[in-house]
Amino acid sequence: MNIGFWMCAVLVPCFGIMALVFGIGKEKTAILISGFNTLSKEEQSRYDRGHMARDMRNTCLVWTIVMLLGAVGAWLISGYSAIIAYAVWIVLLFKEVHLDARKAFSKYLLP
């Protein structure tokens, strides 16, 4: 087995556990989302925490699958599969990153 396999395989359980935490904890785990915990309690109450937790769970599951495919590809095909998996993961990660917390959570505002 090569280093690419291990680089991806290490992240599979990490992302899987994060998905499990967001899945089990539901709206209570919204506080774990970066940027949301910096908002005031009054502001936090204006957002749909359940929807936020579901989206974060789904995001972590997608990351888990990407890294799992990268690990399997690195094991069976080539170590370059790990590089591809990391490239895909970085694109997905930066799609989720926002500099302004209010803008990042605007789709979760309650009516």
PDB file of N, CA and C in Angstrom:
ATOM      1  N   MET A   1       0.848  -1.184   0.000  1.00  0.00           N
ATOM      2  CA  MET A   1       0.000   0.000   0.000  1.00  0.00           C
ATOM      3  C   MET A   1       0.885   1.237   0.000  1.00  0.00           C
ATOM      4  N   ASN A   2       0.385   2.281  -0.584  1.00  0.00           N
ATOM      5  CA  ASN A   2       1.182   3.486  -0.737  1.00  0.00           C
ATOM      6  C   ASN A   2       0.697   4.604   0.178  1.00  0.00           C
ATOM      7  N   ILE A   3       1.457   5.669   0.185  1.00  0.00           N
ATOM      8  CA  ILE A   3       1.145   6.808   1.053  1.00  0.00           C
ATOM      9  C   ILE A   3      -0.184   7.454   0.673  1.00  0.00           C
ATOM     10  N   GLY A   4      -0.538   7.448  -0.606  1.00  0.00           N
ATOM     11  CA  GLY A   4      -1.808   8.016  -1.050  1.00  0.00           C
ATOM     12  C   GLY A   4      -2.990   7.316  -0.416  1.00  0.00           C
ATOM     13  N   PHE A   5      -2.881   6.011  -0.295  1.00  0.00           N
ATOM     14  CA  PHE A   5      -3.943   5.248   0.366  1.00  0.00           C
ATOM     15  C   PHE A   5      -4.135   5.734   1.792  1.00  0.00           C
ATOM     16  N   TRP A   6      -3.030   5.842   2.531  1.00  0.00           N
ATOM     17  CA  TRP A   6      -3.131   6.235   3.935  1.00  0.00           C
ATOM     18  C   TRP A   6      -3.575   7.685   4.097  1.00  0.00           C
ATOM     19  N   MET A   7      -3.168   8.548   3.181  1.00  0.00           N
ATOM     20  CA  MET A   7      -3.584   9.957   3.271  1.00  0.00           C
ATOM     21  C   MET A   7      -5.094  10.092   3.150  1.00  0.00           C
ATOM     22  N   CYS A   8      -5.707   9.277   2.332  1.00  0.00           N
ATOM     23  CA  CYS A   8      -7.168   9.306   2.185  1.00  0.00           C
ATOM     24  C   CYS A   8      -7.849   8.482   3.272  1.00  0.00           C
ATOM     25  N   ALA A   9      -7.290   7.320   3.580  1.00  0.00           N
ATOM     26  CA  ALA A   9      -7.926   6.409   4.530  1.00  0.00           C
ATOM     27  C   ALA A   9      -8.025   7.002   5.931  1.00  0.00           C
ATOM     28  N   VAL A  10      -7.093   7.856   6.303  1.00  0.00           N
ATOM     29  CA  VAL A  10      -7.122   8.477   7.628  1.00  0.00           C
ATOM     30  C   VAL A  10      -8.312   9.429   7.757  1.00  0.00           C
ATOM     31  N   LEU A  11      -8.672  10.096   6.680  1.00  0.00           N
ATOM     32  CA  LEU A  11      -9.763  11.074   6.742  1.00  0.00           C
ATOM     33  C   LEU A  11     -11.148  10.445   6.655  1.00  0.00           C
ATOM     34  N   VAL A  12     -11.248   9.238   6.142  1.00  0.00           N
ATOM     35  CA  VAL A  12     -12.555   8.584   6.012  1.00  0.00           C
ATOM     36  C   VAL A  12     -13.252   8.464   7.364  1.00  0.00           C
ATOM     37  N   PRO A  13     -12.629   7.906   8.401  1.00  0.00           N
ATOM     38  CA  PRO A  13     -13.332   7.828   9.685  1.00  0.00           C
ATOM     39  C   PRO A  13     -13.554   9.199  10.326  1.00  0.00           C
ATOM     40  N   CYS A  14     -12.631  10.136  10.097  1.00  0.00           N
ATOM     41  CA  CYS A  14     -12.808  11.481  10.664  1.00  0.00           C
ATOM     42  C   CYS A  14     -14.073  12.137  10.117  1.00  0.00           C
ATOM     43  N   PHE A  15     -14.216  12.144   8.804  1.00  0.00           N
ATOM     44  CA  PHE A  15     -15.400  12.744   8.194  1.00  0.00           C
ATOM     45  C   PHE A  15     -16.647  11.925   8.507  1.00  0.00           C
ATOM     46  N   GLY A  16     -16.500  10.613   8.577  1.00  0.00           N
ATOM     47  CA  GLY A  16     -17.638   9.750   8.914  1.00  0.00           C
ATOM     48  C   GLY A  16     -18.155  10.022  10.316  1.00  0.00           C
ATOM     49  N   ILE A  17     -17.248  10.201  11.261  1.00  0.00           N
ATOM     50  CA  ILE A  17     -17.653  10.505  12.642  1.00  0.00           C
ATOM     51  C   ILE A  17     -18.317  11.872  12.707  1.00  0.00           C
ATOM     52  N   MET A  18     -17.779  12.836  11.970  1.00  0.00           N
ATOM     53  CA  MET A  18     -18.410  14.162  11.943  1.00  0.00           C
ATOM     54  C   MET A  18     -19.830  14.076  11.389  1.00  0.00           C
ATOM     55  N   ALA A  19     -20.019  13.299  10.332  1.00  0.00           N
ATOM     56  CA  ALA A  19     -21.358  13.119   9.753  1.00  0.00           C
ATOM     57  C   ALA A  19     -22.280  12.462  10.767  1.00  0.00           C
ATOM     58  N   LEU A  20     -21.771  11.492  11.497  1.00  0.00           N
ATOM     59  CA  LEU A  20     -22.553  10.807  12.517  1.00  0.00           C
ATOM     60  C   LEU A  20     -22.958  11.762  13.645  1.00  0.00           C
ATOM     61  N   VAL A  21     -22.036  12.604  14.058  1.00  0.00           N
ATOM     62  CA  VAL A  21     -22.324  13.582  15.115  1.00  0.00           C
ATOM     63  C   VAL A  21     -23.428  14.527  14.669  1.00  0.00           C
ATOM     64  N   PHE A  22     -23.326  15.052  13.458  1.00  0.00           N
ATOM     65  CA  PHE A  22     -24.357  15.969  12.960  1.00  0.00           C
ATOM     66  C   PHE A  22     -25.673  15.245  12.717  1.00  0.00           C
ATOM     67  N   GLY A  23     -25.619  13.982  12.351  1.00  0.00           N
ATOM     68  CA  GLY A  23     -26.841  13.212  12.131  1.00  0.00           C
ATOM     69  C   GLY A  23     -27.567  12.883  13.420  1.00  0.00           C
ATOM     70  N   ILE A  24     -26.830  12.520  14.437  1.00  0.00           N
ATOM     71  CA  ILE A  24     -27.447  12.145  15.716  1.00  0.00           C
ATOM     72  C   ILE A  24     -27.845  13.376  16.523  1.00  0.00           C
ATOM     73  N   GLY A  25     -26.975  14.379  16.549  1.00  0.00           N
ATOM     74  CA  GLY A  25     -27.222  15.558  17.377  1.00  0.00           C
ATOM     75  C   GLY A  25     -28.252  16.525  16.831  1.00  0.00           C
ATOM     76  N   LYS A  26     -28.527  16.429  15.554  1.00  0.00           N
ATOM     77  CA  LYS A  26     -29.497  17.287  14.870  1.00  0.00           C
ATOM     78  C   LYS A  26     -29.255  18.764  15.177  1.00  0.00           C
ATOM     79  N   GLU A  27     -30.298  19.519  15.523  1.00  0.00           N
ATOM     80  CA  GLU A  27     -30.147  20.975  15.646  1.00  0.00           C
ATOM     81  C   GLU A  27     -29.224  21.402  16.783  1.00  0.00           C
ATOM     82  N   LYS A  28     -28.977  20.533  17.738  1.00  0.00           N
ATOM     83  CA  LYS A  28     -28.057  20.880  18.827  1.00  0.00           C
ATOM     84  C   LYS A  28     -26.635  21.059  18.319  1.00  0.00           C
ATOM     85  N   THR A  29     -26.299  20.373  17.233  1.00  0.00           N
ATOM     86  CA  THR A  29     -24.928  20.418  16.724  1.00  0.00           C
ATOM     87  C   THR A  29     -24.661  21.611  15.811  1.00  0.00           C
ATOM     88  N   ALA A  30     -25.660  22.422  15.553  1.00  0.00           N
ATOM     89  CA  ALA A  30     -25.448  23.594  14.693  1.00  0.00           C
ATOM     90  C   ALA A  30     -24.400  24.522  15.298  1.00  0.00           C
ATOM     91  N   ILE A  31     -24.271  24.504  16.601  1.00  0.00           N
ATOM     92  CA  ILE A  31     -23.295  25.357  17.273  1.00  0.00           C
ATOM     93  C   ILE A  31     -21.863  24.967  16.896  1.00  0.00           C
ATOM     94  N   LEU A  32     -21.670  23.742  16.407  1.00  0.00           N
ATOM     95  CA  LEU A  32     -20.336  23.283  16.005  1.00  0.00           C
ATOM     96  C   LEU A  32     -19.915  23.812  14.636  1.00  0.00           C
ATOM     97  N   ILE A  33     -20.845  24.392  13.901  1.00  0.00           N
ATOM     98  CA  ILE A  33     -20.542  24.910  12.565  1.00  0.00           C
ATOM     99  C   ILE A  33     -19.773  26.222  12.705  1.00  0.00           C
ATOM    100  N   SER A  34     -18.661  26.276  12.016  1.00  0.00           N
ATOM    101  CA  SER A  34     -17.787  27.439  12.105  1.00  0.00           C
ATOM    102  C   SER A  34     -18.525  28.716  11.694  1.00  0.00           C
ATOM    103  N   GLY A  35     -18.398  29.730  12.504  1.00  0.00           N
ATOM    104  CA  GLY A  35     -19.034  31.014  12.231  1.00  0.00           C
ATOM    105  C   GLY A  35     -20.382  31.161  12.898  1.00  0.00           C
ATOM    106  N   PHE A  36     -21.118  30.078  13.037  1.00  0.00           N
ATOM    107  CA  PHE A  36     -22.441  30.161  13.656  1.00  0.00           C
ATOM    108  C   PHE A  36     -22.317  30.442  15.145  1.00  0.00           C
ATOM    109  N   ASN A  37     -21.290  29.890  15.762  1.00  0.00           N
ATOM    110  CA  ASN A  37     -21.116  30.106  17.198  1.00  0.00           C
ATOM    111  C   ASN A  37     -20.660  31.523  17.529  1.00  0.00           C
ATOM    112  N   THR A  38     -20.252  32.298  16.541  1.00  0.00           N
ATOM    113  CA  THR A  38     -19.839  33.677  16.787  1.00  0.00           C
ATOM    114  C   THR A  38     -21.026  34.639  16.773  1.00  0.00           C
ATOM    115  N   LEU A  39     -22.175  34.180  16.284  1.00  0.00           N
ATOM    116  CA  LEU A  39     -23.369  35.020  16.273  1.00  0.00           C
ATOM    117  C   LEU A  39     -23.960  35.073  17.676  1.00  0.00           C
ATOM    118  N   SER A  40     -24.673  36.150  17.966  1.00  0.00           N
ATOM    119  CA  SER A  40     -25.320  36.263  19.277  1.00  0.00           C
ATOM    120  C   SER A  40     -26.460  35.247  19.377  1.00  0.00           C
ATOM    121  N   LYS A  41     -26.861  34.932  20.600  1.00  0.00           N
ATOM    122  CA  LYS A  41     -27.948  33.964  20.826  1.00  0.00           C
ATOM    123  C   LYS A  41     -29.227  34.425  20.129  1.00  0.00           C
ATOM    124  N   GLU A  42     -29.475  35.725  20.163  1.00  0.00           N
ATOM    125  CA  GLU A  42     -30.666  36.283  19.513  1.00  0.00           C
ATOM    126  C   GLU A  42     -30.611  36.063  18.002  1.00  0.00           C
ATOM    127  N   GLU A  43     -29.434  36.286  17.434  1.00  0.00           N
ATOM    128  CA  GLU A  43     -29.264  36.090  15.996  1.00  0.00           C
ATOM    129  C   GLU A  43     -29.343  34.611  15.623  1.00  0.00           C
ATOM    130  N   GLN A  44     -28.774  33.743  16.458  1.00  0.00           N
ATOM    131  CA  GLN A  44     -28.808  32.309  16.195  1.00  0.00           C
ATOM    132  C   GLN A  44     -30.235  31.778  16.159  1.00  0.00           C
ATOM    133  N   SER A  45     -31.107  32.377  16.936  1.00  0.00           N
ATOM    134  CA  SER A  45     -32.493  31.900  16.989  1.00  0.00           C
ATOM    135  C   SER A  45     -33.255  32.195  15.701  1.00  0.00           C
ATOM    136  N   ARG A  46     -32.711  33.033  14.833  1.00  0.00           N
ATOM    137  CA  ARG A  46     -33.372  33.376  13.578  1.00  0.00           C
ATOM    138  C   ARG A  46     -33.081  32.377  12.459  1.00  0.00           C
ATOM    139  N   TYR A  47     -32.259  31.358  12.743  1.00  0.00           N
ATOM    140  CA  TYR A  47     -31.847  30.405  11.706  1.00  0.00           C
ATOM    141  C   TYR A  47     -32.410  29.015  11.980  1.00  0.00           C
ATOM    142  N   ASP A  48     -32.628  28.264  10.919  1.00  0.00           N
ATOM    143  CA  ASP A  48     -33.121  26.886  10.998  1.00  0.00           C
ATOM    144  C   ASP A  48     -31.936  25.961  11.291  1.00  0.00           C
ATOM    145  N   ARG A  49     -31.753  25.640  12.558  1.00  0.00           N
ATOM    146  CA  ARG A  49     -30.611  24.834  12.984  1.00  0.00           C
ATOM    147  C   ARG A  49     -30.693  23.405  12.450  1.00  0.00           C
ATOM    148  N   GLY A  50     -31.887  22.850  12.367  1.00  0.00           N
ATOM    149  CA  GLY A  50     -32.053  21.494  11.857  1.00  0.00           C
ATOM    150  C   GLY A  50     -31.589  21.365  10.417  1.00  0.00           C
ATOM    151  N   HIS A  51     -31.957  22.341   9.608  1.00  0.00           N
ATOM    152  CA  HIS A  51     -31.537  22.347   8.197  1.00  0.00           C
ATOM    153  C   HIS A  51     -30.019  22.499   8.087  1.00  0.00           C
ATOM    154  N   MET A  52     -29.450  23.334   8.941  1.00  0.00           N
ATOM    155  CA  MET A  52     -28.000  23.533   8.941  1.00  0.00           C
ATOM    156  C   MET A  52     -27.282  22.230   9.289  1.00  0.00           C
ATOM    157  N   ALA A  53     -27.775  21.526  10.301  1.00  0.00           N
ATOM    158  CA  ALA A  53     -27.148  20.266  10.724  1.00  0.00           C
ATOM    159  C   ALA A  53     -27.274  19.200   9.633  1.00  0.00           C
ATOM    160  N   ARG A  54     -28.431  19.140   8.970  1.00  0.00           N
ATOM    161  CA  ARG A  54     -28.610  18.173   7.880  1.00  0.00           C
ATOM    162  C   ARG A  54     -27.656  18.463   6.733  1.00  0.00           C
ATOM    163  N   ASP A  55     -27.518  19.734   6.379  1.00  0.00           N
ATOM    164  CA  ASP A  55     -26.601  20.097   5.298  1.00  0.00           C
ATOM    165  C   ASP A  55     -25.155  19.766   5.663  1.00  0.00           C
ATOM    166  N   MET A  56     -24.783  20.010   6.908  1.00  0.00           N
ATOM    167  CA  MET A  56     -23.422  19.705   7.348  1.00  0.00           C
ATOM    168  C   MET A  56     -23.198  18.197   7.369  1.00  0.00           C
ATOM    169  N   ARG A  57     -24.200  17.440   7.791  1.00  0.00           N
ATOM    170  CA  ARG A  57     -24.108  15.974   7.768  1.00  0.00           C
ATOM    171  C   ARG A  57     -23.902  15.482   6.339  1.00  0.00           C
ATOM    172  N   ASN A  58     -24.699  16.006   5.417  1.00  0.00           N
ATOM    173  CA  ASN A  58     -24.587  15.596   4.020  1.00  0.00           C
ATOM    174  C   ASN A  58     -23.236  15.983   3.424  1.00  0.00           C
ATOM    175  N   THR A  59     -22.741  17.147   3.772  1.00  0.00           N
ATOM    176  CA  THR A  59     -21.433  17.585   3.300  1.00  0.00           C
ATOM    177  C   THR A  59     -20.339  16.637   3.792  1.00  0.00           C
ATOM    178  N   CYS A  60     -20.403  16.280   5.067  1.00  0.00           N
ATOM    179  CA  CYS A  60     -19.399  15.358   5.621  1.00  0.00           C
ATOM    180  C   CYS A  60     -19.509  13.979   4.983  1.00  0.00           C
ATOM    181  N   LEU A  61     -20.711  13.540   4.665  1.00  0.00           N
ATOM    182  CA  LEU A  61     -20.877  12.253   3.990  1.00  0.00           C
ATOM    183  C   LEU A  61     -20.269  12.284   2.590  1.00  0.00           C
ATOM    184  N   VAL A  62     -20.453  13.366   1.878  1.00  0.00           N
ATOM    185  CA  VAL A  62     -19.855  13.504   0.542  1.00  0.00           C
ATOM    186  C   VAL A  62     -18.337  13.483   0.658  1.00  0.00           C
ATOM    187  N   TRP A  63     -17.794  14.200   1.649  1.00  0.00           N
ATOM    188  CA  TRP A  63     -16.348  14.194   1.850  1.00  0.00           C
ATOM    189  C   TRP A  63     -15.851  12.785   2.179  1.00  0.00           C
ATOM    190  N   THR A  64     -16.621  12.051   2.977  1.00  0.00           N
ATOM    191  CA  THR A  64     -16.249  10.679   3.320  1.00  0.00           C
ATOM    192  C   THR A  64     -16.185   9.811   2.068  1.00  0.00           C
ATOM    193  N   ILE A  65     -17.181   9.940   1.224  1.00  0.00           N
ATOM    194  CA  ILE A  65     -17.225   9.139  -0.008  1.00  0.00           C
ATOM    195  C   ILE A  65     -16.072   9.496  -0.936  1.00  0.00           C
ATOM    196  N   VAL A  66     -15.771  10.781  -1.067  1.00  0.00           N
ATOM    197  CA  VAL A  66     -14.661  11.213  -1.927  1.00  0.00           C
ATOM    198  C   VAL A  66     -13.350  10.608  -1.436  1.00  0.00           C
ATOM    199  N   MET A  67     -13.100  10.686  -0.133  1.00  0.00           N
ATOM    200  CA  MET A  67     -11.853  10.143   0.405  1.00  0.00           C
ATOM    201  C   MET A  67     -11.828   8.618   0.352  1.00  0.00           C
ATOM    202  N   LEU A  68     -12.973   7.987   0.525  1.00  0.00           N
ATOM    203  CA  LEU A  68     -13.040   6.536   0.413  1.00  0.00           C
ATOM    204  C   LEU A  68     -12.711   6.089  -1.016  1.00  0.00           C
ATOM    205  N   LEU A  69     -13.276   6.785  -1.981  1.00  0.00           N
ATOM    206  CA  LEU A  69     -12.961   6.479  -3.382  1.00  0.00           C
ATOM    207  C   LEU A  69     -11.487   6.723  -3.683  1.00  0.00           C
ATOM    208  N   GLY A  70     -10.931   7.790  -3.095  1.00  0.00           N
ATOM    209  CA  GLY A  70      -9.507   8.066  -3.280  1.00  0.00           C
ATOM    210  C   GLY A  70      -8.643   6.969  -2.676  1.00  0.00           C
ATOM    211  N   ALA A  71      -9.009   6.484  -1.494  1.00  0.00           N
ATOM    212  CA  ALA A  71      -8.243   5.415  -0.845  1.00  0.00           C
ATOM    213  C   ALA A  71      -8.324   4.120  -1.635  1.00  0.00           C
ATOM    214  N   VAL A  72      -9.523   3.766  -2.073  1.00  0.00           N
ATOM    215  CA  VAL A  72      -9.702   2.542  -2.857  1.00  0.00           C
ATOM    216  C   VAL A  72      -8.966   2.660  -4.186  1.00  0.00           C
ATOM    217  N   GLY A  73      -9.064   3.826  -4.806  1.00  0.00           N
ATOM    218  CA  GLY A  73      -8.356   4.039  -6.066  1.00  0.00           C
ATOM    219  C   GLY A  73      -6.847   3.977  -5.892  1.00  0.00           C
ATOM    220  N   ALA A  74      -6.349   4.536  -4.804  1.00  0.00           N
ATOM    221  CA  ALA A  74      -4.907   4.498  -4.551  1.00  0.00           C
ATOM    222  C   ALA A  74      -4.445   3.081  -4.269  1.00  0.00           C
ATOM    223  N   TRP A  75      -5.290   2.300  -3.657  1.00  0.00           N
ATOM    224  CA  TRP A  75      -4.939   0.915  -3.330  1.00  0.00           C
ATOM    225  C   TRP A  75      -4.976   0.026  -4.577  1.00  0.00           C
ATOM    226  N   LEU A  76      -6.024   0.197  -5.386  1.00  0.00           N
ATOM    227  CA  LEU A  76      -6.221  -0.694  -6.522  1.00  0.00           C
ATOM    228  C   LEU A  76      -5.598  -0.206  -7.826  1.00  0.00           C
ATOM    229  N   ILE A  77      -5.567   1.097  -8.022  1.00  0.00           N
ATOM    230  CA  ILE A  77      -5.146   1.626  -9.325  1.00  0.00           C
ATOM    231  C   ILE A  77      -3.783   2.304  -9.233  1.00  0.00           C
ATOM    232  N   SER A  78      -3.770   3.466  -8.592  1.00  0.00           N
ATOM    233  CA  SER A  78      -2.534   4.247  -8.530  1.00  0.00           C
ATOM    234  C   SER A  78      -2.629   5.263  -7.404  1.00  0.00           C
ATOM    235  N   GLY A  79      -1.482   5.660  -6.901  1.00  0.00           N
ATOM    236  CA  GLY A  79      -1.434   6.684  -5.866  1.00  0.00           C
ATOM    237  C   GLY A  79      -1.964   8.023  -6.340  1.00  0.00           C
ATOM    238  N   TYR A  80      -2.010   8.203  -7.647  1.00  0.00           N
ATOM    239  CA  TYR A  80      -2.538   9.449  -8.195  1.00  0.00           C
ATOM    240  C   TYR A  80      -4.031   9.613  -7.919  1.00  0.00           C
ATOM    241  N   SER A  81      -4.701   8.538  -7.629  1.00  0.00           N
ATOM    242  CA  SER A  81      -6.122   8.614  -7.258  1.00  0.00           C
ATOM    243  C   SER A  81      -6.302   9.434  -5.983  1.00  0.00           C
ATOM    244  N   ALA A  82      -5.345   9.333  -5.079  1.00  0.00           N
ATOM    245  CA  ALA A  82      -5.404  10.123  -3.849  1.00  0.00           C
ATOM    246  C   ALA A  82      -5.270  11.612  -4.157  1.00  0.00           C
ATOM    247  N   ILE A  83      -4.420  11.939  -5.107  1.00  0.00           N
ATOM    248  CA  ILE A  83      -4.246  13.346  -5.494  1.00  0.00           C
ATOM    249  C   ILE A  83      -5.540  13.877  -6.089  1.00  0.00           C
ATOM    250  N   ILE A  84      -6.186  13.086  -6.912  1.00  0.00           N
ATOM    251  CA  ILE A  84      -7.462  13.484  -7.506  1.00  0.00           C
ATOM    252  C   ILE A  84      -8.517  13.663  -6.416  1.00  0.00           C
ATOM    253  N   ALA A  85      -8.550  12.728  -5.457  1.00  0.00           N
ATOM    254  CA  ALA A  85      -9.518  12.825  -4.361  1.00  0.00           C
ATOM    255  C   ALA A  85      -9.299  14.103  -3.553  1.00  0.00           C
ATOM    256  N   TYR A  86      -8.045  14.426  -3.260  1.00  0.00           N
ATOM    257  CA  TYR A  86      -7.763  15.653  -2.515  1.00  0.00           C
ATOM    258  C   TYR A  86      -8.142  16.894  -3.324  1.00  0.00           C
ATOM    259  N   ALA A  87      -7.905  16.873  -4.618  1.00  0.00           N
ATOM    260  CA  ALA A  87      -8.277  18.014  -5.463  1.00  0.00           C
ATOM    261  C   ALA A  87      -9.790  18.219  -5.441  1.00  0.00           C
ATOM    262  N   VAL A  88     -10.541  17.125  -5.562  1.00  0.00           N
ATOM    263  CA  VAL A  88     -12.003  17.216  -5.514  1.00  0.00           C
ATOM    264  C   VAL A  88     -12.443  17.717  -4.147  1.00  0.00           C
ATOM    265  N   TRP A  89     -11.833  17.201  -3.082  1.00  0.00           N
ATOM    266  CA  TRP A  89     -12.202  17.608  -1.730  1.00  0.00           C
ATOM    267  C   TRP A  89     -11.929  19.094  -1.510  1.00  0.00           C
ATOM    268  N   ILE A  90     -10.806  19.586  -2.004  1.00  0.00           N
ATOM    269  CA  ILE A  90     -10.472  21.008  -1.833  1.00  0.00           C
ATOM    270  C   ILE A  90     -11.489  21.887  -2.550  1.00  0.00           C
ATOM    271  N   VAL A  91     -11.893  21.482  -3.752  1.00  0.00           N
ATOM    272  CA  VAL A  91     -12.921  22.249  -4.473  1.00  0.00           C
ATOM    273  C   VAL A  91     -14.221  22.259  -3.670  1.00  0.00           C
ATOM    274  N   LEU A  92     -14.630  21.095  -3.158  1.00  0.00           N
ATOM    275  CA  LEU A  92     -15.856  21.017  -2.362  1.00  0.00           C
ATOM    276  C   LEU A  92     -15.734  21.824  -1.071  1.00  0.00           C
ATOM    277  N   LEU A  93     -14.570  21.799  -0.457  1.00  0.00           N
ATOM    278  CA  LEU A  93     -14.349  22.551   0.774  1.00  0.00           C
ATOM    279  C   LEU A  93     -14.485  24.045   0.538  1.00  0.00           C
ATOM    280  N   PHE A  94     -13.829  24.549  -0.509  1.00  0.00           N
ATOM    281  CA  PHE A  94     -13.876  25.987  -0.756  1.00  0.00           C
ATOM    282  C   PHE A  94     -15.247  26.453  -1.238  1.00  0.00           C
ATOM    283  N   LYS A  95     -16.057  25.529  -1.746  1.00  0.00           N
ATOM    284  CA  LYS A  95     -17.441  25.882  -2.065  1.00  0.00           C
ATOM    285  C   LYS A  95     -18.226  26.209  -0.801  1.00  0.00           C
ATOM    286  N   GLU A  96     -17.837  25.613   0.309  1.00  0.00           N
ATOM    287  CA  GLU A  96     -18.538  25.785   1.585  1.00  0.00           C
ATOM    288  C   GLU A  96     -17.997  26.938   2.418  1.00  0.00           C
ATOM    289  N   VAL A  97     -16.828  27.461   2.084  1.00  0.00           N
ATOM    290  CA  VAL A  97     -16.183  28.495   2.891  1.00  0.00           C
ATOM    291  C   VAL A  97     -16.722  29.870   2.502  1.00  0.00           C
ATOM    292  N   HIS A  98     -17.126  30.632   3.523  1.00  0.00           N
ATOM    293  CA  HIS A  98     -17.584  32.015   3.328  1.00  0.00           C
ATOM    294  C   HIS A  98     -16.888  32.890   4.360  1.00  0.00           C
ATOM    295  N   LEU A  99     -16.559  34.099   3.977  1.00  0.00           N
ATOM    296  CA  LEU A  99     -15.886  35.002   4.900  1.00  0.00           C
ATOM    297  C   LEU A  99     -16.863  35.702   5.833  1.00  0.00           C
ATOM    298  N   ASP A 100     -18.092  35.873   5.400  1.00  0.00           N
ATOM    299  CA  ASP A 100     -19.102  36.552   6.212  1.00  0.00           C
ATOM    300  C   ASP A 100     -20.109  35.520   6.715  1.00  0.00           C
ATOM    301  N   ALA A 101     -20.224  35.379   8.035  1.00  0.00           N
ATOM    302  CA  ALA A 101     -21.114  34.369   8.624  1.00  0.00           C
ATOM    303  C   ALA A 101     -22.567  34.621   8.245  1.00  0.00           C
ATOM    304  N   ARG A 102     -22.987  35.877   8.240  1.00  0.00           N
ATOM    305  CA  ARG A 102     -24.390  36.165   7.914  1.00  0.00           C
ATOM    306  C   ARG A 102     -24.714  35.771   6.469  1.00  0.00           C
ATOM    307  N   LYS A 103     -23.769  36.009   5.578  1.00  0.00           N
ATOM    308  CA  LYS A 103     -23.964  35.626   4.181  1.00  0.00           C
ATOM    309  C   LYS A 103     -23.956  34.116   4.034  1.00  0.00           C
ATOM    310  N   ALA A 104     -23.097  33.452   4.792  1.00  0.00           N
ATOM    311  CA  ALA A 104     -22.995  31.989   4.718  1.00  0.00           C
ATOM    312  C   ALA A 104     -24.296  31.310   5.168  1.00  0.00           C
ATOM    313  N   PHE A 105     -24.956  31.889   6.149  1.00  0.00           N
ATOM    314  CA  PHE A 105     -26.153  31.263   6.705  1.00  0.00           C
ATOM    315  C   PHE A 105     -27.444  31.893   6.203  1.00  0.00           C
ATOM    316  N   SER A 106     -27.374  32.750   5.196  1.00  0.00           N
ATOM    317  CA  SER A 106     -28.568  33.436   4.717  1.00  0.00           C
ATOM    318  C   SER A 106     -29.632  32.472   4.187  1.00  0.00           C
ATOM    319  N   LYS A 107     -29.223  31.348   3.640  1.00  0.00           N
ATOM    320  CA  LYS A 107     -30.228  30.396   3.122  1.00  0.00           C
ATOM    321  C   LYS A 107     -30.957  29.654   4.232  1.00  0.00           C
ATOM    322  N   TYR A 108     -30.489  29.784   5.463  1.00  0.00           N
ATOM    323  CA  TYR A 108     -31.121  29.102   6.606  1.00  0.00           C
ATOM    324  C   TYR A 108     -32.008  30.030   7.438  1.00  0.00           C
ATOM    325  N   LEU A 109     -32.174  31.268   6.996  1.00  0.00           N
ATOM    326  CA  LEU A 109     -33.016  32.217   7.752  1.00  0.00           C
ATOM    327  C   LEU A 109     -34.453  31.713   7.815  1.00  0.00           C
ATOM    328  N   LEU A 110     -35.043  31.799   8.995  1.00  0.00           N
ATOM    329  CA  LEU A 110     -36.438  31.422   9.162  1.00  0.00           C
ATOM    330  C   LEU A 110     -37.332  32.546   8.636  1.00  0.00           C
ATOM    331  N   PRO A 111     -38.477  32.202   8.056  1.00  0.00           N
ATOM    332  CA  PRO A 111     -39.370  33.256   7.532  1.00  0.00           C
ATOM    333  C   PRO A 111     -40.003  34.075   8.637  1.00  0.00           C
TER     334      PRO A 111
END
